[in-house]
């Protein structure tokens, strides 16, 4: 679903080798597939690279350090978040200090956000009820 140019893929590979401590700690937990959710790290997305991405939940997780506190970076983040929103992908921004101070709580929050944003066809497949048919579909995917 999310892809990048050859150049963006190379940047993503470099970022995987140079992850920050909060990213490393969070990746150690997300790679365990909490609640059965599969995450990718440093996922290319057009000209962007996400910190973590869960395709099934359409969720991007960004770990924001102090640099994200500046007005200029906050404006860039808002434009980036809007780009994802236009593609019906939710962005969850987590302060790096929160990952360092409360990793378990962060993982729980990510799982809750992923479950809340999981498209109905994925949720139905996990829970077992039959998919919606005919007129039932009209309002289900809004």
Protein backbone atom coordinates (compact mmCIF):
# COMPACT_ATOMS: atom_id res chain seq x y z
CA UNK A 1 0.00 0.00 0.00
CA UNK A 2 2.62 2.56 1.00
CA UNK A 3 5.57 2.71 -1.34
CA UNK A 4 8.40 5.05 -2.08
CA UNK A 5 10.85 5.81 -4.81
CA UNK A 6 14.18 4.04 -5.00
CA UNK A 7 15.73 7.05 -3.26
CA UNK A 8 13.16 6.93 -0.44
CA UNK A 9 13.76 3.20 0.01
CA UNK A 10 17.49 3.87 0.41
CA UNK A 11 16.75 6.57 2.99
CA UNK A 12 14.49 4.12 4.85
CA UNK A 13 17.27 1.52 4.90
CA UNK A 14 19.67 4.09 6.31
CA UNK A 15 17.14 5.14 8.96
CA UNK A 16 16.68 1.49 10.01
CA UNK A 17 20.40 1.32 10.75
CA UNK A 18 20.34 4.62 12.67
CA UNK A 19 17.20 4.33 14.81
CA UNK A 20 17.03 6.41 17.99
CA UNK A 21 16.91 4.70 21.38
CA UNK A 22 13.14 5.27 21.77
CA UNK A 23 12.58 3.82 18.27
CA UNK A 24 14.75 0.78 19.07
CA UNK A 25 12.87 0.14 22.31
CA UNK A 26 9.48 0.52 20.67
CA UNK A 27 10.47 -1.67 17.72
CA UNK A 28 11.55 -4.42 20.13
CA UNK A 29 7.95 -4.50 21.37
CA UNK A 30 6.12 -3.93 18.08
CA UNK A 31 8.01 -6.71 16.32
CA UNK A 32 6.41 -9.13 18.81
CA UNK A 33 3.11 -8.39 17.03
CA UNK A 34 1.08 -7.14 20.00
CA UNK A 35 -2.59 -8.19 19.67
CA UNK A 36 -1.64 -9.91 16.40
CA UNK A 37 -0.80 -6.61 14.68
CA UNK A 38 2.09 -6.58 12.22
CA UNK A 39 4.17 -3.41 12.09
CA UNK A 40 6.87 -2.36 9.66
CA UNK A 41 9.64 -0.02 10.67
CA UNK A 42 10.88 2.88 8.57
CA UNK A 43 8.24 2.26 5.90
CA UNK A 44 8.62 4.35 2.71
CA UNK A 45 5.51 6.33 1.78
CA UNK A 46 5.92 8.36 -1.39
CA UNK A 47 8.62 10.92 -0.47
CA UNK A 48 8.19 10.24 3.25
CA UNK A 49 9.40 7.53 5.61
CA UNK A 50 7.22 6.53 8.55
CA UNK A 51 8.73 5.38 11.84
CA UNK A 52 6.28 2.46 12.10
CA UNK A 53 3.33 1.38 9.98
CA UNK A 54 0.54 -1.15 10.54
CA UNK A 55 -1.04 -1.87 7.17
CA UNK A 56 -4.09 -3.76 8.50
CA UNK A 57 -5.03 -0.90 10.83
CA UNK A 58 -3.96 1.86 8.42
CA UNK A 59 -1.95 3.36 11.28
CA UNK A 60 1.33 5.27 11.20
CA UNK A 61 3.19 5.61 14.50
CA UNK A 62 5.67 8.47 14.75
CA UNK A 63 8.10 8.83 17.65
CA UNK A 64 8.70 12.55 18.08
CA UNK A 65 11.81 13.88 19.79
CA UNK A 66 12.42 17.43 20.98
CA UNK A 67 12.92 18.71 17.44
CA UNK A 68 9.18 18.26 16.88
CA UNK A 69 8.47 20.91 19.52
CA UNK A 70 9.51 23.75 17.19
CA UNK A 71 6.83 25.63 15.26
CA UNK A 72 8.48 24.94 11.90
CA UNK A 73 8.66 21.18 12.46
CA UNK A 74 5.14 21.11 13.93
CA UNK A 75 3.84 22.75 10.75
CA UNK A 76 5.69 20.20 8.60
CA UNK A 77 4.25 17.40 10.75
CA UNK A 78 0.74 18.81 10.27
CA UNK A 79 1.19 18.83 6.48
CA UNK A 80 2.54 15.30 6.61
CA UNK A 81 -0.36 14.11 8.81
CA UNK A 82 -2.83 15.71 6.38
CA UNK A 83 -1.18 13.84 3.49
CA UNK A 84 -1.78 10.56 5.32
CA UNK A 85 -5.32 11.57 6.32
CA UNK A 86 -6.21 12.14 2.65
CA UNK A 87 -5.23 8.50 2.15
CA UNK A 88 -7.36 7.40 5.12
CA UNK A 89 -4.31 6.57 7.23
CA UNK A 90 -4.28 7.67 10.86
CA UNK A 91 -1.10 9.09 12.38
CA UNK A 92 -0.35 8.55 16.05
CA UNK A 93 2.41 10.81 17.36
CA UNK A 94 4.14 9.71 20.54
CA UNK A 95 6.75 11.80 22.37
CA UNK A 96 10.10 10.00 22.62
CA UNK A 97 10.23 10.71 26.35
CA UNK A 98 6.95 8.82 26.77
CA UNK A 99 8.47 5.76 25.08
CA UNK A 100 11.43 5.97 27.45
CA UNK A 101 9.28 6.50 30.57
CA UNK A 102 6.24 4.31 29.85
CA UNK A 103 6.92 1.78 27.10
CA UNK A 104 4.17 -0.60 28.22
CA UNK A 105 1.60 2.21 28.22
CA UNK A 106 2.75 3.37 24.79
CA UNK A 107 2.35 -0.12 23.32
CA UNK A 108 -1.12 -0.38 24.88
CA UNK A 109 -2.10 2.99 23.38
CA UNK A 110 -0.82 1.91 19.96
CA UNK A 111 -2.82 -1.33 20.12
CA UNK A 112 -5.96 0.57 21.18
CA UNK A 113 -5.54 3.06 18.33
CA UNK A 114 -4.88 0.27 15.85
CA UNK A 115 -7.99 -1.62 16.95
CA UNK A 116 -10.10 1.54 16.81
CA UNK A 117 -8.89 2.28 13.30
CA UNK A 118 -9.00 -1.24 11.90
CA UNK A 119 -11.23 -1.31 8.81
CA UNK A 120 -14.38 -3.39 9.26
CA UNK A 121 -13.37 -6.12 6.81
CA UNK A 122 -10.25 -6.85 8.88
CA UNK A 123 -12.13 -6.78 12.18
CA UNK A 124 -14.83 -9.08 10.84
CA UNK A 125 -12.27 -11.58 9.63
CA UNK A 126 -10.71 -11.78 13.11
CA UNK A 127 -13.94 -11.99 15.08
CA UNK A 128 -15.77 -14.42 12.85
CA UNK A 129 -19.20 -12.85 12.10
CA UNK A 130 -20.20 -12.97 8.45
CA UNK A 131 -19.39 -9.89 6.37
CA UNK A 132 -22.10 -7.32 5.74
CA UNK A 133 -24.13 -7.77 2.58
CA UNK A 134 -26.07 -5.51 0.23
CA UNK A 135 -27.60 -2.42 1.83
CA UNK A 136 -25.73 -3.05 5.09
CA UNK A 137 -22.52 -2.01 3.32
CA UNK A 138 -23.73 1.51 2.50
CA UNK A 139 -22.94 3.05 5.89
CA UNK A 140 -20.42 0.52 7.15
CA UNK A 141 -17.32 1.99 5.55
CA UNK A 142 -17.86 5.67 6.31
